Amino acid sequence: MWGLLMVVCLYGAVEYCLRGQSDKSLDDASLIPFADDPEVARRVEAATGKSINAVAPEEPRPGWVTLDM
């Protein structure tokens, strides 16, 4: 009985949190993990047909050093 009640509460909470989201915004959110790697973004675009706004990682500037701690 408690398990069923907890599942219903979880379902209600997820529905409440996602009530204002559109299909487009949820699709965009699912593609965010691929946006920082242009090569992976191209492969995901080819596989899914969805456009990803990839951002190239920032190149180190002159004078920046890598510190090993």
Protein backbone atom coordinates (compact mmCIF):
# COMPACT_ATOMS: atom_id res chain seq x y z
CA MET A 1 0.00 0.00 0.00
CA TRP A 2 2.76 2.45 0.96
CA GLY A 3 4.69 1.62 -2.19
CA LEU A 4 1.73 2.46 -4.41
CA LEU A 5 1.15 5.72 -2.53
CA MET A 6 4.82 6.69 -2.94
CA VAL A 7 4.72 5.96 -6.69
CA VAL A 8 1.59 8.09 -7.08
CA CYS A 9 3.22 10.93 -5.10
CA LEU A 10 6.39 10.72 -7.21
CA TYR A 11 4.37 10.79 -10.42
CA GLY A 12 2.40 13.79 -9.17
CA ALA A 13 5.57 15.65 -8.18
CA VAL A 14 7.21 15.08 -11.58
CA GLU A 15 4.05 16.16 -13.41
CA TYR A 16 3.84 19.29 -11.23
CA CYS A 17 7.49 20.22 -11.92
CA LEU A 18 7.18 19.71 -15.69
CA ARG A 19 3.76 21.33 -16.14
CA GLY A 20 5.04 24.46 -17.93
CA GLN A 21 7.51 22.75 -20.26
CA SER A 22 6.99 22.35 -23.99
CA ASP A 23 8.19 19.47 -26.13
CA LYS A 24 10.82 21.75 -27.70
CA SER A 25 12.26 22.85 -24.36
CA LEU A 26 12.48 19.24 -23.15
CA ASP A 27 14.22 18.19 -26.39
CA ASP A 28 16.68 21.07 -26.05
CA ALA A 29 17.40 20.11 -22.44
CA SER A 30 18.09 16.50 -23.42
CA LEU A 31 20.75 17.66 -25.93
CA ILE A 32 22.66 19.97 -23.55
CA PRO A 33 25.27 17.33 -22.55
CA PHE A 34 26.50 17.20 -26.16
CA ALA A 35 26.78 20.98 -26.69
CA ASP A 36 30.37 21.42 -25.47
CA ASP A 37 31.97 18.91 -27.86
CA PRO A 38 31.48 19.87 -31.53
CA GLU A 39 32.49 16.43 -32.88
CA VAL A 40 30.03 14.59 -30.63
CA ALA A 41 27.37 17.19 -31.44
CA ARG A 42 27.79 16.46 -35.18
CA ARG A 43 27.45 12.71 -34.58
CA VAL A 44 24.33 13.18 -32.43
CA GLU A 45 22.83 15.51 -35.06
CA ALA A 46 23.47 12.90 -37.75
CA ALA A 47 21.96 10.12 -35.63
CA THR A 48 18.88 11.98 -34.37
CA GLY A 49 18.29 14.65 -36.99
CA LYS A 50 17.94 17.26 -34.24
CA SER A 51 19.98 20.46 -34.37
CA ILE A 52 22.44 21.07 -31.52
CA ASN A 53 23.91 24.51 -30.85
CA ALA A 54 27.46 23.33 -30.14
CA VAL A 55 29.95 25.63 -28.47
CA ALA A 56 33.64 25.03 -29.02
CA PRO A 57 35.62 24.68 -25.80
CA GLU A 58 37.66 27.72 -24.84
CA GLU A 59 41.29 27.56 -25.96
CA PRO A 60 43.95 28.34 -23.35
CA ARG A 61 45.14 31.93 -23.54
CA PRO A 62 48.83 32.86 -23.65
CA GLY A 63 50.21 32.97 -20.14
CA TRP A 64 47.77 30.41 -18.75
CA VAL A 65 49.43 27.40 -17.19
CA THR A 66 48.21 24.03 -16.05
CA LEU A 67 48.78 23.50 -12.37
CA ASP A 68 49.07 20.00 -10.96
CA MET A 69 47.94 19.94 -7.38
